[in-house]
Amino acid sequence: MNMHISPNHSSGPVSRIWAKATSGAPGATSSDSASFEGAAALERALADTPDVRAERVERARGLINDGGYPPTETVKRIASLLGKHLDPDKAEE
């Protein structure tokens, strides 16, 4: 089997393009640089943040010890919502 390829146009010889030698990455300029100051500042802020917010823990303890938290009305509303969505066929005994 013979195969013949006939191009639609004539192509001339391939010529080399000689580029001026440059240092560094193509398109790089002397002002290209990475800046991580923002990330470093976030790391410092995270390190300075306490794991537990003591004022919130104290407020929660105060509310629980008060005896009125959560309010009775809130408990009744939650119980009502749970009762409306209770499926007796799926209830565990």
PDB file of N, CA and C in Angstrom:
ATOM      1  N   MET A   1       0.843  -1.168   0.000  1.00  0.00           N
ATOM      2  CA  MET A   1       0.000   0.000   0.000  1.00  0.00           C
ATOM      3  C   MET A   1       0.893   1.238   0.000  1.00  0.00           C
ATOM      4  N   ASN A   2       0.652   2.120  -0.902  1.00  0.00           N
ATOM      5  CA  ASN A   2       1.403   3.368  -1.002  1.00  0.00           C
ATOM      6  C   ASN A   2       0.527   4.516  -0.534  1.00  0.00           C
ATOM      7  N   MET A   3       1.138   5.414   0.187  1.00  0.00           N
ATOM      8  CA  MET A   3       0.404   6.569   0.697  1.00  0.00           C
ATOM      9  C   MET A   3       1.047   7.824   0.143  1.00  0.00           C
ATOM     10  N   HIS A   4       0.233   8.699  -0.375  1.00  0.00           N
ATOM     11  CA  HIS A   4       0.743   9.941  -0.937  1.00  0.00           C
ATOM     12  C   HIS A   4       0.052  11.111  -0.229  1.00  0.00           C
ATOM     13  N   ILE A   5       0.836  12.014   0.302  1.00  0.00           N
ATOM     14  CA  ILE A   5       0.294  13.198   0.974  1.00  0.00           C
ATOM     15  C   ILE A   5       0.558  14.385   0.078  1.00  0.00           C
ATOM     16  N   SER A   6      -0.492  15.103  -0.220  1.00  0.00           N
ATOM     17  CA  SER A   6      -0.370  16.285  -1.060  1.00  0.00           C
ATOM     18  C   SER A   6      -0.829  17.491  -0.249  1.00  0.00           C
ATOM     19  N   PRO A   7       0.096  18.351   0.193  1.00  0.00           N
ATOM     20  CA  PRO A   7      -0.309  19.518   0.984  1.00  0.00           C
ATOM     21  C   PRO A   7      -1.116  20.504   0.141  1.00  0.00           C
ATOM     22  N   ASN A   8      -1.978  21.239   0.813  1.00  0.00           N
ATOM     23  CA  ASN A   8      -2.798  22.234   0.130  1.00  0.00           C
ATOM     24  C   ASN A   8      -1.986  23.450  -0.279  1.00  0.00           C
ATOM     25  N   HIS A   9      -0.867  23.649   0.354  1.00  0.00           N
ATOM     26  CA  HIS A   9      -0.018  24.790   0.023  1.00  0.00           C
ATOM     27  C   HIS A   9       1.439  24.334   0.071  1.00  0.00           C
ATOM     28  N   SER A  10       2.262  25.084  -0.570  1.00  0.00           N
ATOM     29  CA  SER A  10       3.675  24.701  -0.548  1.00  0.00           C
ATOM     30  C   SER A  10       4.322  25.305   0.684  1.00  0.00           C
ATOM     31  N   SER A  11       5.104  24.530   1.335  1.00  0.00           N
ATOM     32  CA  SER A  11       5.800  25.027   2.511  1.00  0.00           C
ATOM     33  C   SER A  11       7.275  25.103   2.199  1.00  0.00           C
ATOM     34  N   GLY A  12       7.853  26.177   2.636  1.00  0.00           N
ATOM     35  CA  GLY A  12       9.276  26.368   2.411  1.00  0.00           C
ATOM     36  C   GLY A  12      10.075  25.646   3.478  1.00  0.00           C
ATOM     37  N   PRO A  13      11.371  25.807   3.447  1.00  0.00           N
ATOM     38  CA  PRO A  13      12.209  25.154   4.445  1.00  0.00           C
ATOM     39  C   PRO A  13      11.970  25.742   5.830  1.00  0.00           C
ATOM     40  N   VAL A  14      12.202  24.946   6.832  1.00  0.00           N
ATOM     41  CA  VAL A  14      12.054  25.391   8.210  1.00  0.00           C
ATOM     42  C   VAL A  14      13.285  26.200   8.577  1.00  0.00           C
ATOM     43  N   SER A  15      13.059  27.382   9.094  1.00  0.00           N
ATOM     44  CA  SER A  15      14.196  28.211   9.498  1.00  0.00           C
ATOM     45  C   SER A  15      14.196  28.357  11.011  1.00  0.00           C
ATOM     46  N   ARG A  16      15.383  28.499  11.535  1.00  0.00           N
ATOM     47  CA  ARG A  16      15.504  28.673  12.986  1.00  0.00           C
ATOM     48  C   ARG A  16      15.359  30.145  13.341  1.00  0.00           C
ATOM     49  N   ILE A  17      14.740  30.356  14.482  1.00  0.00           N
ATOM     50  CA  ILE A  17      14.633  31.712  14.995  1.00  0.00           C
ATOM     51  C   ILE A  17      15.611  31.819  16.150  1.00  0.00           C
ATOM     52  N   TRP A  18      16.531  32.718  16.033  1.00  0.00           N
ATOM     53  CA  TRP A  18      17.535  32.904  17.083  1.00  0.00           C
ATOM     54  C   TRP A  18      17.064  34.028  17.991  1.00  0.00           C
ATOM     55  N   ALA A  19      16.851  33.668  19.244  1.00  0.00           N
ATOM     56  CA  ALA A  19      16.401  34.657  20.218  1.00  0.00           C
ATOM     57  C   ALA A  19      17.583  35.132  21.035  1.00  0.00           C
ATOM     58  N   LYS A  20      17.484  36.341  21.489  1.00  0.00           N
ATOM     59  CA  LYS A  20      18.513  36.896  22.354  1.00  0.00           C
ATOM     60  C   LYS A  20      18.467  36.148  23.680  1.00  0.00           C
ATOM     61  N   ALA A  21      19.598  35.706  24.157  1.00  0.00           N
ATOM     62  CA  ALA A  21      19.663  34.957  25.416  1.00  0.00           C
ATOM     63  C   ALA A  21      19.337  35.886  26.572  1.00  0.00           C
ATOM     64  N   THR A  22      18.429  35.431  27.454  1.00  0.00           N
ATOM     65  CA  THR A  22      18.062  36.202  28.637  1.00  0.00           C
ATOM     66  C   THR A  22      18.265  35.344  29.857  1.00  0.00           C
ATOM     67  N   SER A  23      18.415  35.993  30.963  1.00  0.00           N
ATOM     68  CA  SER A  23      18.544  35.242  32.211  1.00  0.00           C
ATOM     69  C   SER A  23      17.206  35.228  32.921  1.00  0.00           C
ATOM     70  N   GLY A  24      16.930  34.173  33.659  1.00  0.00           N
ATOM     71  CA  GLY A  24      15.685  34.071  34.414  1.00  0.00           C
ATOM     72  C   GLY A  24      14.569  33.497  33.573  1.00  0.00           C
ATOM     73  N   ALA A  25      13.408  33.495  34.148  1.00  0.00           N
ATOM     74  CA  ALA A  25      12.238  32.931  33.484  1.00  0.00           C
ATOM     75  C   ALA A  25      11.758  33.867  32.392  1.00  0.00           C
ATOM     76  N   PRO A  26      11.143  33.324  31.350  1.00  0.00           N
ATOM     77  CA  PRO A  26      10.612  34.178  30.295  1.00  0.00           C
ATOM     78  C   PRO A  26       9.559  35.115  30.857  1.00  0.00           C
ATOM     79  N   GLY A  27       9.647  36.372  30.487  1.00  0.00           N
ATOM     80  CA  GLY A  27       8.667  37.341  30.937  1.00  0.00           C
ATOM     81  C   GLY A  27       8.918  37.866  32.341  1.00  0.00           C
ATOM     82  N   ALA A  28       9.955  37.380  33.003  1.00  0.00           N
ATOM     83  CA  ALA A  28      10.236  37.827  34.364  1.00  0.00           C
ATOM     84  C   ALA A  28      10.906  39.184  34.335  1.00  0.00           C
ATOM     85  N   THR A  29      10.557  40.010  35.261  1.00  0.00           N
ATOM     86  CA  THR A  29      11.216  41.301  35.400  1.00  0.00           C
ATOM     87  C   THR A  29      11.858  41.362  36.762  1.00  0.00           C
ATOM     88  N   SER A  30      12.651  42.367  36.953  1.00  0.00           N
ATOM     89  CA  SER A  30      13.357  42.463  38.228  1.00  0.00           C
ATOM     90  C   SER A  30      12.409  42.750  39.387  1.00  0.00           C
ATOM     91  N   SER A  31      11.183  43.233  39.098  1.00  0.00           N
ATOM     92  CA  SER A  31      10.242  43.537  40.175  1.00  0.00           C
ATOM     93  C   SER A  31       9.356  42.350  40.541  1.00  0.00           C
ATOM     94  N   ASP A  32       9.505  41.222  39.838  1.00  0.00           N
ATOM     95  CA  ASP A  32       8.723  40.032  40.174  1.00  0.00           C
ATOM     96  C   ASP A  32       9.246  39.425  41.461  1.00  0.00           C
ATOM     97  N   SER A  33       8.376  39.330  42.450  1.00  0.00           N
ATOM     98  CA  SER A  33       8.765  38.689  43.707  1.00  0.00           C
ATOM     99  C   SER A  33       7.509  38.283  44.451  1.00  0.00           C
ATOM    100  N   ALA A  34       7.676  37.361  45.361  1.00  0.00           N
ATOM    101  CA  ALA A  34       6.555  36.906  46.179  1.00  0.00           C
ATOM    102  C   ALA A  34       6.611  37.624  47.516  1.00  0.00           C
ATOM    103  N   SER A  35       5.455  38.007  47.992  1.00  0.00           N
ATOM    104  CA  SER A  35       5.392  38.701  49.272  1.00  0.00           C
ATOM    105  C   SER A  35       4.488  37.914  50.211  1.00  0.00           C
ATOM    106  N   PHE A  36       5.035  37.528  51.346  1.00  0.00           N
ATOM    107  CA  PHE A  36       4.288  36.730  52.307  1.00  0.00           C
ATOM    108  C   PHE A  36       4.105  37.462  53.634  1.00  0.00           C
ATOM    109  N   GLU A  37       4.247  38.782  53.621  1.00  0.00           N
ATOM    110  CA  GLU A  37       4.087  39.530  54.865  1.00  0.00           C
ATOM    111  C   GLU A  37       2.677  39.377  55.425  1.00  0.00           C
ATOM    112  N   GLY A  38       1.674  39.383  54.544  1.00  0.00           N
ATOM    113  CA  GLY A  38       0.288  39.233  54.995  1.00  0.00           C
ATOM    114  C   GLY A  38       0.055  37.888  55.652  1.00  0.00           C
ATOM    115  N   ALA A  39       0.607  36.836  55.061  1.00  0.00           N
ATOM    116  CA  ALA A  39       0.454  35.498  55.634  1.00  0.00           C
ATOM    117  C   ALA A  39       1.175  35.405  56.968  1.00  0.00           C
ATOM    118  N   ALA A  40       2.330  36.022  57.061  1.00  0.00           N
ATOM    119  CA  ALA A  40       3.084  35.999  58.319  1.00  0.00           C
ATOM    120  C   ALA A  40       2.317  36.749  59.405  1.00  0.00           C
ATOM    121  N   ALA A  41       1.680  37.858  59.038  1.00  0.00           N
ATOM    122  CA  ALA A  41       0.892  38.614  60.018  1.00  0.00           C
ATOM    123  C   ALA A  41      -0.295  37.789  60.501  1.00  0.00           C
ATOM    124  N   LEU A  42      -0.929  37.051  59.599  1.00  0.00           N
ATOM    125  CA  LEU A  42      -2.044  36.185  59.998  1.00  0.00           C
ATOM    126  C   LEU A  42      -1.576  35.077  60.924  1.00  0.00           C
ATOM    127  N   GLU A  43      -0.418  34.508  60.639  1.00  0.00           N
ATOM    128  CA  GLU A  43       0.143  33.465  61.506  1.00  0.00           C
ATOM    129  C   GLU A  43       0.398  34.013  62.905  1.00  0.00           C
ATOM    130  N   ARG A  44       0.940  35.227  62.983  1.00  0.00           N
ATOM    131  CA  ARG A  44       1.208  35.836  64.300  1.00  0.00           C
ATOM    132  C   ARG A  44      -0.098  36.098  65.046  1.00  0.00           C
ATOM    133  N   ALA A  45      -1.108  36.612  64.330  1.00  0.00           N
ATOM    134  CA  ALA A  45      -2.398  36.887  64.967  1.00  0.00           C
ATOM    135  C   ALA A  45      -3.043  35.602  65.464  1.00  0.00           C
ATOM    136  N   LEU A  46      -2.930  34.544  64.697  1.00  0.00           N
ATOM    137  CA  LEU A  46      -3.485  33.259  65.111  1.00  0.00           C
ATOM    138  C   LEU A  46      -2.763  32.726  66.339  1.00  0.00           C
ATOM    139  N   ALA A  47      -1.458  32.880  66.368  1.00  0.00           N
ATOM    140  CA  ALA A  47      -0.685  32.407  67.517  1.00  0.00           C
ATOM    141  C   ALA A  47      -1.037  33.194  68.779  1.00  0.00           C
ATOM    142  N   ASP A  48      -1.407  34.472  68.617  1.00  0.00           N
ATOM    143  CA  ASP A  48      -1.751  35.311  69.771  1.00  0.00           C
ATOM    144  C   ASP A  48      -3.196  35.145  70.220  1.00  0.00           C
ATOM    145  N   THR A  49      -4.012  34.428  69.456  1.00  0.00           N
ATOM    146  CA  THR A  49      -5.417  34.233  69.798  1.00  0.00           C
ATOM    147  C   THR A  49      -5.554  33.073  70.775  1.00  0.00           C
ATOM    148  N   PRO A  50      -6.249  33.289  71.891  1.00  0.00           N
ATOM    149  CA  PRO A  50      -6.406  32.191  72.853  1.00  0.00           C
ATOM    150  C   PRO A  50      -7.298  31.085  72.290  1.00  0.00           C
ATOM    151  N   ASP A  51      -7.044  29.859  72.729  1.00  0.00           N
ATOM    152  CA  ASP A  51      -7.846  28.720  72.279  1.00  0.00           C
ATOM    153  C   ASP A  51      -9.261  28.774  72.849  1.00  0.00           C
ATOM    154  N   VAL A  52      -9.416  29.351  74.026  1.00  0.00           N
ATOM    155  CA  VAL A  52     -10.711  29.439  74.705  1.00  0.00           C
ATOM    156  C   VAL A  52     -10.967  30.901  75.044  1.00  0.00           C
ATOM    157  N   ARG A  53     -12.183  31.366  74.749  1.00  0.00           N
ATOM    158  CA  ARG A  53     -12.551  32.737  75.115  1.00  0.00           C
ATOM    159  C   ARG A  53     -13.158  32.698  76.517  1.00  0.00           C
ATOM    160  N   ALA A  54     -12.356  33.064  77.484  1.00  0.00           N
ATOM    161  CA  ALA A  54     -12.734  32.958  78.895  1.00  0.00           C
ATOM    162  C   ALA A  54     -14.018  33.724  79.213  1.00  0.00           C
ATOM    163  N   GLU A  55     -14.200  34.896  78.605  1.00  0.00           N
ATOM    164  CA  GLU A  55     -15.401  35.688  78.898  1.00  0.00           C
ATOM    165  C   GLU A  55     -16.667  34.975  78.437  1.00  0.00           C
ATOM    166  N   ARG A  56     -16.590  34.234  77.328  1.00  0.00           N
ATOM    167  CA  ARG A  56     -17.746  33.477  76.850  1.00  0.00           C
ATOM    168  C   ARG A  56     -18.036  32.283  77.753  1.00  0.00           C
ATOM    169  N   VAL A  57     -16.989  31.636  78.230  1.00  0.00           N
ATOM    170  CA  VAL A  57     -17.163  30.495  79.139  1.00  0.00           C
ATOM    171  C   VAL A  57     -17.815  30.964  80.430  1.00  0.00           C
ATOM    172  N   GLU A  58     -17.365  32.082  80.968  1.00  0.00           N
ATOM    173  CA  GLU A  58     -17.949  32.619  82.204  1.00  0.00           C
ATOM    174  C   GLU A  58     -19.408  33.007  82.004  1.00  0.00           C
ATOM    175  N   ARG A  59     -19.725  33.603  80.856  1.00  0.00           N
ATOM    176  CA  ARG A  59     -21.120  33.970  80.582  1.00  0.00           C
ATOM    177  C   ARG A  59     -21.993  32.719  80.520  1.00  0.00           C
ATOM    178  N   ALA A  60     -21.520  31.668  79.844  1.00  0.00           N
ATOM    179  CA  ALA A  60     -22.282  30.419  79.740  1.00  0.00           C
ATOM    180  C   ALA A  60     -22.490  29.797  81.113  1.00  0.00           C
ATOM    181  N   ARG A  61     -21.448  29.799  81.931  1.00  0.00           N
ATOM    182  CA  ARG A  61     -21.581  29.244  83.292  1.00  0.00           C
ATOM    183  C   ARG A  61     -22.606  30.028  84.099  1.00  0.00           C
ATOM    184  N   GLY A  62     -22.578  31.332  83.962  1.00  0.00           N
ATOM    185  CA  GLY A  62     -23.540  32.168  84.676  1.00  0.00           C
ATOM    186  C   GLY A  62     -24.970  31.884  84.250  1.00  0.00           C
ATOM    187  N   LEU A  63     -25.193  31.728  82.943  1.00  0.00           N
ATOM    188  CA  LEU A  63     -26.536  31.436  82.440  1.00  0.00           C
ATOM    189  C   LEU A  63     -27.031  30.080  82.930  1.00  0.00           C
ATOM    190  N   ILE A  64     -26.154  29.087  82.926  1.00  0.00           N
ATOM    191  CA  ILE A  64     -26.547  27.745  83.372  1.00  0.00           C
ATOM    192  C   ILE A  64     -26.849  27.735  84.861  1.00  0.00           C
ATOM    193  N   ASN A  65     -26.018  28.392  85.647  1.00  0.00           N
ATOM    194  CA  ASN A  65     -26.212  28.426  87.102  1.00  0.00           C
ATOM    195  C   ASN A  65     -27.417  29.258  87.510  1.00  0.00           C
ATOM    196  N   ASP A  66     -27.857  30.157  86.648  1.00  0.00           N
ATOM    197  CA  ASP A  66     -28.999  31.020  86.938  1.00  0.00           C
ATOM    198  C   ASP A  66     -30.282  30.212  87.078  1.00  0.00           C
ATOM    199  N   GLY A  67     -30.387  29.099  86.390  1.00  0.00           N
ATOM    200  CA  GLY A  67     -31.586  28.275  86.479  1.00  0.00           C
ATOM    201  C   GLY A  67     -32.663  28.669  85.496  1.00  0.00           C
ATOM    202  N   GLY A  68     -32.578  29.820  84.912  1.00  0.00           N
ATOM    203  CA  GLY A  68     -33.585  30.273  83.962  1.00  0.00           C
ATOM    204  C   GLY A  68     -33.131  30.146  82.521  1.00  0.00           C
ATOM    205  N   TYR A  69     -32.073  29.406  82.311  1.00  0.00           N
ATOM    206  CA  TYR A  69     -31.560  29.258  80.952  1.00  0.00           C
ATOM    207  C   TYR A  69     -31.587  27.812  80.542  1.00  0.00           C
ATOM    208  N   PRO A  70     -32.062  27.472  79.430  1.00  0.00           N
ATOM    209  CA  PRO A  70     -32.759  28.343  78.487  1.00  0.00           C
ATOM    210  C   PRO A  70     -34.143  28.689  79.015  1.00  0.00           C
ATOM    211  N   PRO A  71     -34.714  29.784  78.527  1.00  0.00           N
ATOM    212  CA  PRO A  71     -36.045  30.181  78.993  1.00  0.00           C
ATOM    213  C   PRO A  71     -37.078  29.082  78.732  1.00  0.00           C
ATOM    214  N   THR A  72     -38.057  28.981  79.611  1.00  0.00           N
ATOM    215  CA  THR A  72     -39.098  27.958  79.501  1.00  0.00           C
ATOM    216  C   THR A  72     -39.812  28.038  78.160  1.00  0.00           C
ATOM    217  N   GLU A  73     -40.068  29.240  77.678  1.00  0.00           N
ATOM    218  CA  GLU A  73     -40.746  29.415  76.389  1.00  0.00           C
ATOM    219  C   GLU A  73     -39.926  28.802  75.254  1.00  0.00           C
ATOM    220  N   THR A  74     -38.626  28.960  75.293  1.00  0.00           N
ATOM    221  CA  THR A  74     -37.755  28.380  74.264  1.00  0.00           C
ATOM    222  C   THR A  74     -37.814  26.861  74.304  1.00  0.00           C
ATOM    223  N   VAL A  75     -37.778  26.296  75.492  1.00  0.00           N
ATOM    224  CA  VAL A  75     -37.850  24.837  75.639  1.00  0.00           C
ATOM    225  C   VAL A  75     -39.176  24.323  75.094  1.00  0.00           C
ATOM    226  N   LYS A  76     -40.280  25.028  75.390  1.00  0.00           N
ATOM    227  CA  LYS A  76     -41.595  24.609  74.902  1.00  0.00           C
ATOM    228  C   LYS A  76     -41.669  24.666  73.379  1.00  0.00           C
ATOM    229  N   ARG A  77     -41.111  25.703  72.780  1.00  0.00           N
ATOM    230  CA  ARG A  77     -41.139  25.826  71.316  1.00  0.00           C
ATOM    231  C   ARG A  77     -40.322  24.715  70.652  1.00  0.00           C
ATOM    232  N   ILE A  78     -39.160  24.432  71.200  1.00  0.00           N
ATOM    233  CA  ILE A  78     -38.330  23.355  70.642  1.00  0.00           C
ATOM    234  C   ILE A  78     -39.043  22.018  70.782  1.00  0.00           C
ATOM    235  N   ALA A  79     -39.666  21.778  71.937  1.00  0.00           N
ATOM    236  CA  ALA A  79     -40.405  20.527  72.148  1.00  0.00           C
ATOM    237  C   ALA A  79     -41.563  20.416  71.164  1.00  0.00           C
ATOM    238  N   SER A  80     -42.247  21.524  70.907  1.00  0.00           N
ATOM    239  CA  SER A  80     -43.358  21.524  69.961  1.00  0.00           C
ATOM    240  C   SER A  80     -42.869  21.200  68.551  1.00  0.00           C
ATOM    241  N   LEU A  81     -41.763  21.811  68.136  1.00  0.00           N
ATOM    242  CA  LEU A  81     -41.209  21.533  66.811  1.00  0.00           C
ATOM    243  C   LEU A  81     -40.773  20.080  66.686  1.00  0.00           C
ATOM    244  N   LEU A  82     -40.142  19.559  67.714  1.00  0.00           N
ATOM    245  CA  LEU A  82     -39.723  18.156  67.689  1.00  0.00           C
ATOM    246  C   LEU A  82     -40.938  17.234  67.609  1.00  0.00           C
ATOM    247  N   GLY A  83     -41.980  17.570  68.358  1.00  0.00           N
ATOM    248  CA  GLY A  83     -43.194  16.756  68.349  1.00  0.00           C
ATOM    249  C   GLY A  83     -43.873  16.749  66.994  1.00  0.00           C
ATOM    250  N   LYS A  84     -43.849  17.878  66.287  1.00  0.00           N
ATOM    251  CA  LYS A  84     -44.473  17.956  64.967  1.00  0.00           C
ATOM    252  C   LYS A  84     -43.732  17.105  63.941  1.00  0.00           C
ATOM    253  N   HIS A  85     -42.450  16.926  64.129  1.00  0.00           N
ATOM    254  CA  HIS A  85     -41.637  16.184  63.157  1.00  0.00           C
ATOM    255  C   HIS A  85     -41.303  14.775  63.621  1.00  0.00           C
ATOM    256  N   LEU A  86     -41.907  14.352  64.704  1.00  0.00           N
ATOM    257  CA  LEU A  86     -41.647  13.015  65.225  1.00  0.00           C
ATOM    258  C   LEU A  86     -42.373  11.984  64.374  1.00  0.00           C
ATOM    259  N   ASP A  87     -41.657  10.985  63.935  1.00  0.00           N
ATOM    260  CA  ASP A  87     -42.235   9.902  63.143  1.00  0.00           C
ATOM    261  C   ASP A  87     -42.350   8.689  64.057  1.00  0.00           C
ATOM    262  N   PRO A  88     -43.580   8.293  64.444  1.00  0.00           N
ATOM    263  CA  PRO A  88     -43.736   7.187  65.392  1.00  0.00           C
ATOM    264  C   PRO A  88     -43.195   5.863  64.856  1.00  0.00           C
ATOM    265  N   ASP A  89     -43.132   5.704  63.540  1.00  0.00           N
ATOM    266  CA  ASP A  89     -42.605   4.463  62.975  1.00  0.00           C
ATOM    267  C   ASP A  89     -41.092   4.357  63.139  1.00  0.00           C
ATOM    268  N   LYS A  90     -40.432   5.493  63.291  1.00  0.00           N
ATOM    269  CA  LYS A  90     -38.977   5.491  63.422  1.00  0.00           C
ATOM    270  C   LYS A  90     -38.520   5.694  64.859  1.00  0.00           C
ATOM    271  N   ALA A  91     -39.461   5.890  65.763  1.00  0.00           N
ATOM    272  CA  ALA A  91     -39.107   6.137  67.162  1.00  0.00           C
ATOM    273  C   ALA A  91     -38.507   4.885  67.779  1.00  0.00           C
ATOM    274  N   GLU A  92     -37.426   5.080  68.514  1.00  0.00           N
ATOM    275  CA  GLU A  92     -36.794   3.950  69.207  1.00  0.00           C
ATOM    276  C   GLU A  92     -37.440   3.785  70.573  1.00  0.00           C
ATOM    277  N   GLU A  93     -37.613   2.552  70.984  1.00  0.00           N
ATOM    278  CA  GLU A  93     -38.236   2.297  72.289  1.00  0.00           C
ATOM    279  C   GLU A  93     -37.195   2.052  73.331  1.00  0.00           C
TER     280      GLU A  93
END
